[in-house]
Amino acid sequence: MHTDELLQRQARRLEILNRIAKTISRDLDLERTVQTVTDVATELSGAKFGAFFYNMTNQSGESYVLYTLSGAPREAFEKFGMPRNTAIFDPTFRGTGIVRSDDIRNDPRYGKMSPHFGMPQGHLPVVSYLAVPVMGRSNEVLGGLFFGHDQPAMFGAEIEELIAGVAAHAAIAIENARLHAAAKIGIEQRSAAEAVAQQLAAVVEGSDDAILTKDLNSIITSWNKGAEQLFGYTAEEIVGKSVMVLIPLNPAEEEAKILARIRAGERVHHYETVRQRKDGSLVEISLTVSPVRNLQGEIIGASKIARDITELKRAQQQQKMILREMDHRVKNLFALTGGLVALSARSAKTPADLAANIQQRLGALARAHDLTISVSSGDTPHTERPTTMHALIAAVISPYDGTNADGNPRFAVRGADTAISPQSATSVALLIHEFATNAAKYGALSSPKGQVQIDCSQDADKFFLAWSESGGPAVAGRPDGDGFGTLLARTTVEGQLSGTLEREWRPEGLKILIAVSRSRLVG
């Protein structure tokens, strides 16, 4: 009969444990799981009250926070604060064993620590005491189940064994709940990271700047649309190849310096360099290079942002040219004024004649300037006045026109004529003015008998102009170096008029041969 009762008890115990296991295994919420365990275990043990303390560790050591309570209001424990690692609590908090006492007041470990030396005043009455550690798979103490009763000898060996089984199931359920919570957080973090990554990918893909990444072996690993537009390679063509294909000058040296700084964790801020497109052409860029790290913080490559600065460079060069041109023009203005005075003085017989000649020449120069300007200094444009090559030449050289000491014309313009657009007129006027100024300074117009002959001709595509000086100082040969005037003339002809300019340093005088595009002249 005793054996049958024992078997029945064991069967009942297994049934209870299975039912508990099924109940708590279905719920992955940590708080509900622990509360369920506390309630069920308190009921099974026959305790007046039960509690579960969750094991927390902070910088100052271990502490134990009241997590759930059954059979008594939470306020009954809250005013006493967190339980301390006393001799009675230590086996449970350390996971060294179960503590069961018929009367805890008689336990030699009880009442040994200040300030209470036993139960604090107002504490729930505890005589029978049972404490079971809840151990995880790796022997981590997840917490402890504590039970009390105000009567002695309420917890026997059978209850102890039953609660130990509950604690084992509780440990599995708690760890599962913790894993579920951690996985949920991980999923949320990954989802957030993926959303951010998608946003960043959209920004990168839609950027007008060229953005690419490479590994530490300089192999390109990503390539956006901006890079395709700037360099001409599609992602399919370039990903997997070395970034060296983009570096035309000293590729190994430049790339080695960049990689050394990237490996050191440095960011290479905007610096200007040159890269090579797929078609072989070169492009000036501003480049920023930053380290790329993996989840462990290790540097695994670099990201590059390249911006085309060709137009910026061109604008800077144009600005420099304009400033130099302004400086040159101001200096030429003084030289021109001096030349006009000198020319006028040769033919003037009285101060009044001199003044009249100078006024006439300055007036002619002003008319030439007005002829070449199509937009006023204000906001209202002038009406564009079409002009021809001969008319423009006449207007520009009018300050120097007249007769020489032999009574011959200073200038002779012959040959074909052509219309000139207002935009080209400014360039041609500047060019003729430069030739005339130099002739007045050093060439034929600096001599009383000097002359200049201008011959014009054209074919289907080109307009030709030959400037021939004679009667001036003998020309010893080509001077050393090119001055700004020569550079400006060549830039005007080759850059703006899409033509060529040649000089012949003849003993009798300089000859300049110009060939320009007719389409550029007429606009």
Protein backbone atom coordinates (compact mmCIF):
# COMPACT_ATOMS: atom_id res chain seq x y z
CA MET A 1 0.00 0.00 0.00
CA HIS A 2 2.87 2.34 0.86
CA THR A 3 4.42 1.67 -2.56
CA ASP A 4 1.15 2.35 -4.33
CA GLU A 5 0.75 5.67 -2.55
CA LEU A 6 4.31 6.64 -3.44
CA LEU A 7 3.72 5.84 -7.09
CA GLN A 8 0.48 7.79 -7.09
CA ARG A 9 2.24 10.77 -5.54
CA GLN A 10 5.02 10.64 -8.11
CA ALA A 11 2.46 10.38 -10.92
CA ARG A 12 0.60 13.36 -9.51
CA ARG A 13 3.83 15.30 -9.19
CA LEU A 14 4.78 14.56 -12.79
CA GLU A 15 1.33 15.55 -13.95
CA ILE A 16 1.59 18.86 -12.07
CA LEU A 17 5.07 19.56 -13.41
CA ASN A 18 3.99 18.75 -16.98
CA ARG A 19 1.00 21.03 -16.62
CA ILE A 20 3.23 23.81 -15.29
CA ALA A 21 5.74 23.26 -18.08
CA LYS A 22 3.04 23.51 -20.74
CA THR A 23 1.57 26.62 -19.11
CA ILE A 24 4.79 28.62 -18.85
CA SER A 25 6.35 27.39 -22.09
CA ARG A 26 3.53 28.93 -24.11
CA ASP A 27 4.21 32.43 -22.82
CA LEU A 28 7.40 34.18 -23.93
CA ASP A 29 6.73 37.33 -21.95
CA LEU A 30 9.25 37.42 -19.10
CA GLU A 31 7.10 39.24 -16.55
CA ARG A 32 4.06 37.01 -17.07
CA THR A 33 6.20 33.86 -17.03
CA VAL A 34 7.81 34.70 -13.68
CA GLN A 35 4.50 35.76 -12.14
CA THR A 36 2.91 32.49 -13.26
CA VAL A 37 5.77 30.48 -11.79
CA THR A 38 5.52 32.37 -8.49
CA ASP A 39 1.76 31.92 -8.22
CA VAL A 40 1.80 28.21 -9.10
CA ALA A 41 4.76 27.39 -6.87
CA THR A 42 3.23 29.26 -3.91
CA GLU A 43 0.00 27.33 -4.31
CA LEU A 44 1.75 23.96 -4.66
CA SER A 45 3.97 24.54 -1.66
CA GLY A 46 1.08 25.54 0.58
CA ALA A 47 2.99 28.68 1.57
CA LYS A 48 1.27 31.75 2.96
CA PHE A 49 3.30 33.85 0.55
CA GLY A 50 5.95 33.35 -2.11
CA ALA A 51 8.31 35.62 -3.97
CA PHE A 52 10.71 35.52 -6.87
CA PHE A 53 13.80 37.71 -6.78
CA TYR A 54 15.43 38.35 -10.15
CA ASN A 55 19.21 38.27 -10.16
CA MET A 56 20.74 41.58 -11.33
CA THR A 57 24.39 42.57 -11.33
CA ASN A 58 25.67 46.14 -11.31
CA GLN A 59 29.04 47.84 -11.00
CA SER A 60 29.04 47.61 -7.20
CA GLY A 61 28.33 43.86 -7.11
CA GLU A 62 25.29 41.70 -6.92
CA SER A 63 21.86 42.97 -5.94
CA TYR A 64 18.45 41.29 -5.97
CA VAL A 65 15.29 43.05 -6.99
CA LEU A 66 11.80 41.94 -5.99
CA TYR A 67 10.30 40.87 -9.26
CA THR A 68 7.06 39.06 -8.42
CA LEU A 69 5.06 38.32 -5.27
CA SER A 70 2.20 35.93 -4.50
CA GLY A 71 -0.02 35.67 -1.41
CA ALA A 72 0.82 39.15 -0.12
CA PRO A 73 0.65 42.71 -1.45
CA ARG A 74 3.78 44.15 -3.03
CA GLU A 75 3.82 46.91 -0.42
CA ALA A 76 4.58 44.27 2.22
CA PHE A 77 8.12 43.94 0.81
CA GLU A 78 8.82 47.28 -0.87
CA LYS A 79 9.42 49.21 2.35
CA PHE A 80 12.25 46.84 3.31
CA GLY A 81 14.27 47.44 0.14
CA MET A 82 16.30 44.78 -1.63
CA PRO A 83 17.31 41.68 0.32
CA ARG A 84 20.99 41.47 1.13
CA ASN A 85 23.44 38.62 0.72
CA THR A 86 23.12 37.41 4.31
CA ALA A 87 24.09 33.94 5.47
CA ILE A 88 20.52 32.72 5.05
CA PHE A 89 20.14 34.14 1.53
CA ASP A 90 23.65 33.32 0.32
CA PRO A 91 23.09 29.65 -0.74
CA THR A 92 20.12 30.69 -2.88
CA PHE A 93 21.74 33.76 -4.43
CA ARG A 94 24.96 31.85 -5.09
CA GLY A 95 23.13 28.79 -6.39
CA THR A 96 24.89 26.46 -3.97
CA GLY A 97 21.76 24.67 -2.74
CA ILE A 98 18.21 24.64 -1.41
CA VAL A 99 17.52 26.03 2.06
CA ARG A 100 14.57 24.42 3.90
CA SER A 101 13.82 25.07 7.55
CA ASP A 102 10.94 24.00 9.80
CA ASP A 103 11.61 27.10 11.92
CA ILE A 104 14.01 29.59 10.44
CA ARG A 105 14.33 31.35 13.76
CA ASN A 106 16.27 28.37 15.09
CA ASP A 107 18.70 28.25 12.16
CA PRO A 108 22.25 29.11 13.35
CA ARG A 109 22.68 31.37 10.29
CA TYR A 110 19.64 33.43 11.20
CA GLY A 111 19.79 36.83 12.95
CA LYS A 112 23.55 37.37 12.65
CA MET A 113 23.65 40.64 10.70
CA SER A 114 22.87 44.20 11.68
CA PRO A 115 20.82 46.27 11.76
CA HIS A 116 17.82 43.93 12.17
CA PHE A 117 19.42 40.74 13.50
CA GLY A 118 16.48 38.77 12.18
CA MET A 119 13.17 39.79 10.69
CA PRO A 120 12.76 43.56 10.28
CA GLN A 121 9.95 45.07 12.33
CA GLY A 122 6.67 44.82 10.38
CA HIS A 123 7.94 42.02 8.13
CA LEU A 124 5.56 39.23 7.16
CA PRO A 125 5.81 36.49 9.80
CA VAL A 126 8.07 33.69 8.61
CA VAL A 127 8.54 30.47 10.55
CA SER A 128 8.65 27.73 7.91
CA TYR A 129 11.11 28.75 5.21
CA LEU A 130 11.94 27.33 1.75
CA ALA A 131 14.30 28.91 -0.79
CA VAL A 132 15.15 27.30 -4.13
CA PRO A 133 17.67 28.80 -6.60
CA VAL A 134 16.57 29.05 -10.24
CA MET A 135 19.59 27.98 -12.29
CA GLY A 136 20.13 28.47 -16.01
CA ARG A 137 21.70 26.02 -18.44
CA SER A 138 25.17 27.41 -17.85
CA ASN A 139 24.70 27.33 -14.06
CA GLU A 140 23.92 31.04 -14.04
CA VAL A 141 21.73 31.97 -11.09
CA LEU A 142 18.68 33.54 -12.70
CA GLY A 143 17.06 34.24 -9.33
CA GLY A 144 15.44 32.50 -6.41
CA LEU A 145 12.03 31.25 -5.32
CA PHE A 146 11.32 32.04 -1.67
CA PHE A 147 8.38 30.72 0.38
CA GLY A 148 7.22 31.44 3.92
CA HIS A 149 4.58 30.31 6.40
CA ASP A 150 3.74 31.52 9.88
CA GLN A 151 3.46 27.92 11.16
CA PRO A 152 6.41 25.56 11.68
CA ALA A 153 7.24 22.45 9.61
CA MET A 154 5.03 23.31 6.65
CA PHE A 155 7.51 22.36 3.91
CA GLY A 156 8.55 18.72 3.76
CA ALA A 157 10.97 16.87 1.49
CA GLU A 158 8.24 16.14 -1.02
CA ILE A 159 7.38 19.86 -1.33
CA GLU A 160 11.06 20.67 -1.66
CA GLU A 161 11.42 18.17 -4.50
CA LEU A 162 8.27 19.46 -6.21
CA ILE A 163 9.39 23.12 -6.02
CA ALA A 164 12.85 22.14 -7.29
CA GLY A 165 11.10 20.65 -10.35
CA VAL A 166 9.12 23.87 -10.81
CA ALA A 167 12.33 25.89 -10.55
CA ALA A 168 13.94 23.76 -13.28
CA HIS A 169 11.01 24.35 -15.63
CA ALA A 170 10.98 28.02 -14.65
CA ALA A 171 14.64 28.36 -15.57
CA ILE A 172 13.98 27.01 -19.07
CA ALA A 173 10.95 29.27 -19.52
CA ILE A 174 12.83 32.33 -18.24
CA GLU A 175 15.79 31.71 -20.51
CA ASN A 176 13.47 31.19 -23.47
CA ALA A 177 11.68 34.43 -22.63
CA ARG A 178 15.00 36.24 -22.36
CA LEU A 179 16.16 34.80 -25.68
CA HIS A 180 12.87 35.79 -27.26
CA ALA A 181 13.18 39.34 -25.90
CA ALA A 182 16.78 39.57 -27.10
CA ALA A 183 15.82 38.20 -30.51
CA LYS A 184 12.95 40.69 -30.74
CA ILE A 185 15.30 43.54 -29.91
CA GLY A 186 17.79 42.19 -32.43
CA ILE A 187 15.13 42.01 -35.11
CA GLU A 188 13.99 45.55 -34.34
CA GLN A 189 17.57 46.79 -34.42
CA ARG A 190 18.23 44.99 -37.70
CA SER A 191 15.03 46.37 -39.16
CA ALA A 192 16.00 49.87 -38.07
CA ALA A 193 19.52 49.36 -39.43
CA GLU A 194 18.13 48.04 -42.70
CA ALA A 195 15.80 51.04 -42.98
CA VAL A 196 18.72 53.41 -42.38
CA ALA A 197 20.84 51.43 -44.84
CA GLN A 198 18.09 51.65 -47.46
CA GLN A 199 17.82 55.40 -46.92
CA LEU A 200 21.58 55.81 -47.20
CA ALA A 201 21.62 53.62 -50.31
CA ALA A 202 18.92 55.81 -51.87
CA VAL A 203 20.91 58.95 -51.04
CA VAL A 204 24.09 57.45 -52.46
CA GLU A 205 22.38 56.18 -55.61
CA GLY A 206 20.63 59.49 -56.23
CA SER A 207 23.67 61.67 -55.58
CA ASP A 208 25.18 63.66 -58.44
CA ASP A 209 28.59 63.15 -56.84
CA ALA A 210 30.55 60.03 -57.71
CA ILE A 211 30.45 57.70 -54.68
CA LEU A 212 32.31 54.39 -54.63
CA THR A 213 33.80 51.98 -52.14
CA LYS A 214 36.90 49.82 -52.31
CA ASP A 215 38.57 47.20 -50.15
CA LEU A 216 42.07 47.47 -48.69
CA ASN A 217 43.47 45.91 -51.86
CA SER A 218 42.07 48.84 -53.89
CA ILE A 219 39.40 46.65 -55.52
CA ILE A 220 36.17 48.57 -56.24
CA THR A 221 33.21 47.07 -54.37
CA SER A 222 30.40 49.54 -55.13
CA TRP A 223 29.70 52.22 -57.74
CA ASN A 224 26.79 54.68 -57.92
CA LYS A 225 25.13 56.46 -60.86
CA GLY A 226 27.13 59.62 -60.16
CA ALA A 227 30.35 57.65 -60.62
CA GLU A 228 29.01 56.19 -63.86
CA GLN A 229 28.22 59.67 -65.18
CA LEU A 230 31.57 61.13 -64.14
CA PHE A 231 33.90 58.33 -65.22
CA GLY A 232 31.90 56.60 -67.98
CA TYR A 233 32.07 53.06 -66.54
CA THR A 234 28.91 51.17 -65.55
CA ALA A 235 28.87 49.29 -62.25
CA GLU A 236 28.99 45.99 -64.14
CA GLU A 237 32.15 47.11 -65.93
CA ILE A 238 34.09 48.48 -62.98
CA VAL A 239 33.08 46.62 -59.78
CA GLY A 240 35.71 44.00 -59.03
CA LYS A 241 38.47 45.91 -60.82
CA SER A 242 41.28 47.94 -59.29
CA VAL A 243 40.74 51.63 -58.66
CA MET A 244 44.11 52.11 -60.40
CA VAL A 245 42.31 52.26 -63.76
CA LEU A 246 41.07 55.72 -62.73
CA ILE A 247 44.45 57.11 -61.65
CA PRO A 248 46.51 58.36 -64.61
CA LEU A 249 49.58 59.83 -62.86
CA ASN A 250 51.78 57.88 -60.40
CA PRO A 251 48.88 55.56 -59.47
CA ALA A 252 50.80 53.28 -57.11
CA GLU A 253 52.35 56.18 -55.17
CA GLU A 254 49.10 58.13 -54.72
CA GLU A 255 47.03 55.06 -53.85
CA ALA A 256 49.63 53.82 -51.34
CA LYS A 257 49.55 57.14 -49.49
CA ILE A 258 45.75 57.14 -49.35
CA LEU A 259 45.55 53.53 -48.12
CA ALA A 260 48.17 54.18 -45.44
CA ARG A 261 46.05 56.97 -44.00
CA ILE A 262 42.86 54.90 -44.26
CA ARG A 263 44.47 51.97 -42.41
CA ALA A 264 45.44 54.44 -39.68
CA GLY A 265 41.77 55.40 -39.36
CA GLU A 266 42.23 58.87 -40.88
CA ARG A 267 39.78 60.66 -43.14
CA VAL A 268 41.30 62.24 -46.21
CA HIS A 269 39.47 65.54 -46.58
CA HIS A 270 38.84 67.40 -49.82
CA TYR A 271 41.90 67.40 -51.99
CA GLU A 272 42.20 68.15 -55.67
CA THR A 273 43.56 65.60 -58.08
CA VAL A 274 43.15 64.25 -61.61
CA ARG A 275 41.37 61.08 -62.70
CA GLN A 276 40.95 59.32 -66.04
CA ARG A 277 37.61 58.51 -67.65
CA LYS A 278 36.77 55.42 -69.63
CA ASP A 279 37.36 57.28 -72.91
CA GLY A 280 40.87 58.26 -71.79
CA SER A 281 40.10 61.91 -71.10
CA LEU A 282 41.24 63.47 -67.84
CA VAL A 283 38.96 65.18 -65.34
CA GLU A 284 39.88 67.37 -62.39
CA ILE A 285 38.08 66.33 -59.21
CA SER A 286 37.81 67.14 -55.53
CA LEU A 287 38.14 63.88 -53.57
CA THR A 288 37.21 62.86 -50.02
CA VAL A 289 38.17 59.41 -48.70
CA SER A 290 36.86 57.87 -45.44
CA PRO A 291 37.49 54.52 -43.71
CA VAL A 292 34.78 51.83 -43.90
CA ARG A 293 34.45 49.63 -40.80
CA ASN A 294 32.66 46.34 -40.16
CA LEU A 295 30.39 45.61 -37.18
CA GLN A 296 33.42 44.85 -35.04
CA GLY A 297 34.90 48.29 -35.80
CA GLU A 298 37.68 46.90 -38.01
CA ILE A 299 38.67 48.92 -41.07
CA ILE A 300 37.86 46.84 -44.15
CA GLY A 301 38.00 49.43 -46.92
CA ALA A 302 37.31 53.02 -47.90
CA SER A 303 34.54 55.13 -49.37
CA LYS A 304 35.34 57.82 -51.91
CA ILE A 305 33.29 60.86 -52.88
CA ALA A 306 34.49 62.59 -56.06
CA ARG A 307 33.16 65.86 -57.46
CA ASP A 308 33.91 67.21 -60.92
CA ILE A 309 35.61 70.62 -60.52
CA THR A 310 36.40 71.19 -64.21
CA GLU A 311 34.00 74.13 -64.48
CA LEU A 312 35.27 75.56 -61.20
CA LYS A 313 38.86 75.37 -62.43
CA ARG A 314 37.87 76.93 -65.74
CA ALA A 315 36.09 79.74 -63.92
CA GLN A 316 39.13 80.32 -61.71
CA GLN A 317 41.41 80.47 -64.75
CA GLN A 318 39.01 82.82 -66.50
CA GLN A 319 38.90 85.02 -63.43
CA LYS A 320 42.70 85.17 -63.35
CA MET A 321 42.75 85.98 -67.05
CA ILE A 322 40.18 88.75 -66.59
CA LEU A 323 42.16 90.27 -63.74
CA ARG A 324 45.36 90.17 -65.78
CA GLU A 325 43.49 91.58 -68.76
CA MET A 326 42.15 94.44 -66.64
CA ASP A 327 45.66 95.16 -65.39
CA HIS A 328 46.98 95.01 -68.93
CA ARG A 329 44.24 97.26 -70.28
CA VAL A 330 44.80 99.89 -67.63
CA LYS A 331 48.52 99.94 -68.42
CA ASN A 332 47.74 100.05 -72.12
CA LEU A 333 45.39 102.97 -71.51
CA PHE A 334 48.27 105.01 -70.17
CA ALA A 335 50.50 103.85 -73.04
CA LEU A 336 47.74 104.65 -75.54
CA THR A 337 47.27 108.11 -74.11
CA GLY A 338 50.99 108.73 -74.31
CA GLY A 339 51.06 107.44 -77.88
CA LEU A 340 48.14 109.66 -78.87
CA VAL A 341 49.88 112.69 -77.42
CA ALA A 342 53.12 111.82 -79.21
CA LEU A 343 51.36 111.24 -82.55
CA SER A 344 49.33 114.40 -82.23
CA ALA A 345 52.35 116.46 -81.26
CA ARG A 346 54.15 115.57 -84.50
CA SER A 347 51.53 117.25 -86.65
CA ALA A 348 50.34 119.97 -84.27
CA LYS A 349 51.63 123.47 -84.92
CA THR A 350 49.98 125.10 -81.92
CA PRO A 351 48.76 123.98 -78.50
CA ALA A 352 45.21 124.36 -79.79
CA ASP A 353 45.98 122.01 -82.69
CA LEU A 354 47.45 119.52 -80.22
CA ALA A 355 44.38 119.65 -78.02
CA ALA A 356 42.04 119.26 -80.98
CA ASN A 357 43.96 116.30 -82.39
CA ILE A 358 43.98 114.53 -79.04
CA GLN A 359 40.27 115.14 -78.55
CA GLN A 360 39.52 113.79 -82.03
CA ARG A 361 41.58 110.67 -81.47
CA LEU A 362 40.07 109.98 -78.05
CA GLY A 363 36.61 110.49 -79.53
CA ALA A 364 37.37 107.97 -82.27
CA LEU A 365 38.58 105.50 -79.66
CA ALA A 366 35.35 106.00 -77.70
CA ARG A 367 33.31 105.36 -80.86
CA ALA A 368 35.24 102.15 -81.48
CA HIS A 369 34.55 101.06 -77.91
CA ASP A 370 30.86 101.84 -78.30
CA LEU A 371 30.79 99.86 -81.54
CA THR A 372 32.00 96.73 -79.83
CA ILE A 373 29.73 96.88 -76.76
CA SER A 374 26.30 95.23 -77.11
CA VAL A 375 25.18 95.47 -73.47
CA SER A 376 25.14 98.61 -71.35
CA SER A 377 26.48 98.81 -67.82
CA GLY A 378 22.88 98.82 -66.56
CA ASP A 379 20.21 96.18 -66.83
CA THR A 380 18.81 97.33 -70.19
CA PRO A 381 20.59 95.84 -73.22
CA HIS A 382 21.59 98.03 -76.14
CA THR A 383 20.11 97.19 -79.51
CA GLU A 384 22.66 94.92 -81.13
CA ARG A 385 24.31 96.81 -83.94
CA PRO A 386 25.67 94.57 -86.66
CA THR A 387 29.08 95.54 -87.97
CA THR A 388 31.64 94.29 -90.47
CA MET A 389 35.32 93.52 -90.26
CA HIS A 390 36.35 96.63 -92.20
CA ALA A 391 34.11 98.92 -90.15
CA LEU A 392 35.41 97.49 -86.90
CA ILE A 393 39.05 97.83 -87.97
CA ALA A 394 38.43 101.43 -89.02
CA ALA A 395 36.85 102.25 -85.68
CA VAL A 396 39.64 100.67 -83.64
CA ILE A 397 42.56 102.17 -85.60
CA SER A 398 40.97 105.61 -85.97
CA PRO A 399 43.02 107.08 -83.07
CA TYR A 400 46.19 106.21 -85.03
CA ASP A 401 44.86 107.04 -88.51
CA GLY A 402 46.08 109.84 -90.68
CA THR A 403 49.12 110.29 -92.90
CA ASN A 404 52.78 109.65 -92.28
CA ALA A 405 55.72 111.96 -92.88
CA ASP A 406 55.66 111.09 -96.61
CA GLY A 407 51.98 111.98 -96.89
CA ASN A 408 50.84 108.36 -97.26
CA PRO A 409 48.01 106.85 -95.22
CA ARG A 410 49.08 105.27 -91.95
CA PHE A 411 46.64 102.39 -92.53
CA ALA A 412 45.33 100.62 -95.63
CA VAL A 413 42.57 97.99 -95.36
CA ARG A 414 41.99 95.85 -98.47
CA GLY A 415 40.28 92.68 -99.56
CA ALA A 416 37.19 90.76 -98.48
CA ASP A 417 34.79 92.00 -95.84
CA THR A 418 32.47 89.94 -93.58
CA ALA A 419 29.79 90.49 -91.00
CA ILE A 420 30.77 90.09 -87.33
CA SER A 421 28.48 89.23 -84.45
CA PRO A 422 28.52 91.52 -81.37
CA GLN A 423 30.12 88.73 -79.32
CA SER A 424 32.97 88.23 -81.79
CA ALA A 425 33.35 91.98 -82.35
CA THR A 426 34.66 92.45 -78.81
CA SER A 427 37.33 89.79 -79.35
CA VAL A 428 38.39 91.16 -82.76
CA ALA A 429 38.45 94.75 -81.47
CA LEU A 430 40.66 93.71 -78.57
CA LEU A 431 42.93 91.88 -80.99
CA ILE A 432 43.29 94.82 -83.45
CA HIS A 433 43.71 97.23 -80.56
CA GLU A 434 46.54 95.06 -79.20
CA PHE A 435 48.30 95.04 -82.60
CA ALA A 436 47.89 98.79 -82.98
CA THR A 437 49.11 99.51 -79.43
CA ASN A 438 52.23 97.40 -79.96
CA ALA A 439 52.84 99.06 -83.33
CA ALA A 440 52.60 102.47 -81.63
CA LYS A 441 54.97 101.37 -78.86
CA TYR A 442 57.60 99.45 -80.80
CA GLY A 443 56.62 99.02 -84.45
CA ALA A 444 55.69 100.98 -87.54
CA LEU A 445 53.44 103.51 -85.80
CA SER A 446 56.31 104.58 -83.52
CA SER A 447 58.09 106.00 -86.61
CA PRO A 448 57.07 109.12 -88.63
CA LYS A 449 57.16 107.14 -91.89
CA GLY A 450 55.57 103.95 -90.60
CA GLN A 451 52.61 102.27 -92.28
CA VAL A 452 50.34 99.28 -91.67
CA GLN A 453 48.63 97.32 -94.44
CA ILE A 454 45.74 94.98 -93.55
CA ASP A 455 44.75 92.41 -96.20
CA CYS A 456 41.57 90.36 -95.78
CA SER A 457 40.44 87.21 -97.63
CA GLN A 458 38.14 84.27 -97.02
CA ASP A 459 37.04 80.86 -98.20
CA ALA A 460 34.05 78.67 -97.30
CA ASP A 461 35.23 78.02 -93.73
CA LYS A 462 37.94 80.53 -92.82
CA PHE A 463 38.50 84.26 -92.73
CA PHE A 464 42.11 85.38 -93.16
CA LEU A 465 43.71 88.65 -92.00
CA ALA A 466 47.32 89.71 -92.71
CA TRP A 467 48.73 92.62 -90.66
CA SER A 468 51.92 93.93 -92.35
CA GLU A 469 54.04 96.73 -90.88
CA SER A 470 56.67 98.76 -92.75
CA GLY A 471 58.61 102.00 -92.42
CA GLY A 472 59.25 101.50 -88.74
CA PRO A 473 62.40 100.57 -86.79
CA ALA A 474 64.36 97.65 -88.22
CA VAL A 475 63.34 94.32 -86.71
CA ALA A 476 66.32 92.37 -85.36
CA GLY A 477 64.37 89.14 -84.88
CA ARG A 478 61.94 87.44 -82.56
CA PRO A 479 62.10 88.89 -79.04
CA ASP A 480 62.89 86.64 -76.09
CA GLY A 481 59.73 85.23 -74.53
CA ASP A 482 56.09 86.10 -75.02
CA GLY A 483 54.52 88.99 -73.14
CA PHE A 484 50.97 89.06 -71.85
CA GLY A 485 49.83 90.84 -75.02
CA THR A 486 51.05 87.92 -77.13
CA LEU A 487 49.38 85.41 -74.78
CA LEU A 488 46.15 87.38 -74.85
CA ALA A 489 46.17 87.56 -78.66
CA ARG A 490 46.81 83.85 -79.01
CA THR A 491 44.09 83.01 -76.44
CA THR A 492 41.62 85.24 -78.30
CA VAL A 493 42.34 83.70 -81.70
CA GLU A 494 42.72 80.06 -80.69
CA GLY A 495 40.22 79.91 -77.84
CA GLN A 496 37.41 82.29 -78.75
CA LEU A 497 37.67 82.40 -82.55
CA SER A 498 38.85 78.80 -83.12
CA GLY A 499 41.73 79.89 -85.33
CA THR A 500 45.48 80.19 -85.66
CA LEU A 501 47.96 83.07 -85.28
CA GLU A 502 51.48 83.30 -86.67
CA ARG A 503 54.10 86.08 -86.53
CA GLU A 504 56.87 86.74 -89.06
CA TRP A 505 59.68 88.91 -87.73
CA ARG A 506 60.81 90.46 -91.05
CA PRO A 507 63.59 93.08 -91.10
CA GLU A 508 61.26 95.64 -92.74
CA GLY A 509 58.55 95.08 -90.15
CA LEU A 510 56.36 92.61 -88.28
CA LYS A 511 53.80 90.55 -90.20
CA ILE A 512 50.92 88.81 -88.43
CA LEU A 513 48.86 86.09 -90.14
CA ILE A 514 45.49 85.16 -88.69
CA ALA A 515 42.99 82.50 -89.79
CA VAL A 516 39.70 82.20 -87.85
CA SER A 517 36.46 80.29 -88.20
CA ARG A 518 33.83 82.18 -90.19
CA SER A 519 31.06 80.54 -88.16
CA ARG A 520 32.60 81.94 -84.98
CA LEU A 521 32.82 85.42 -86.50
CA VAL A 522 29.19 85.57 -87.54
CA GLY A 523 27.98 83.80 -84.39
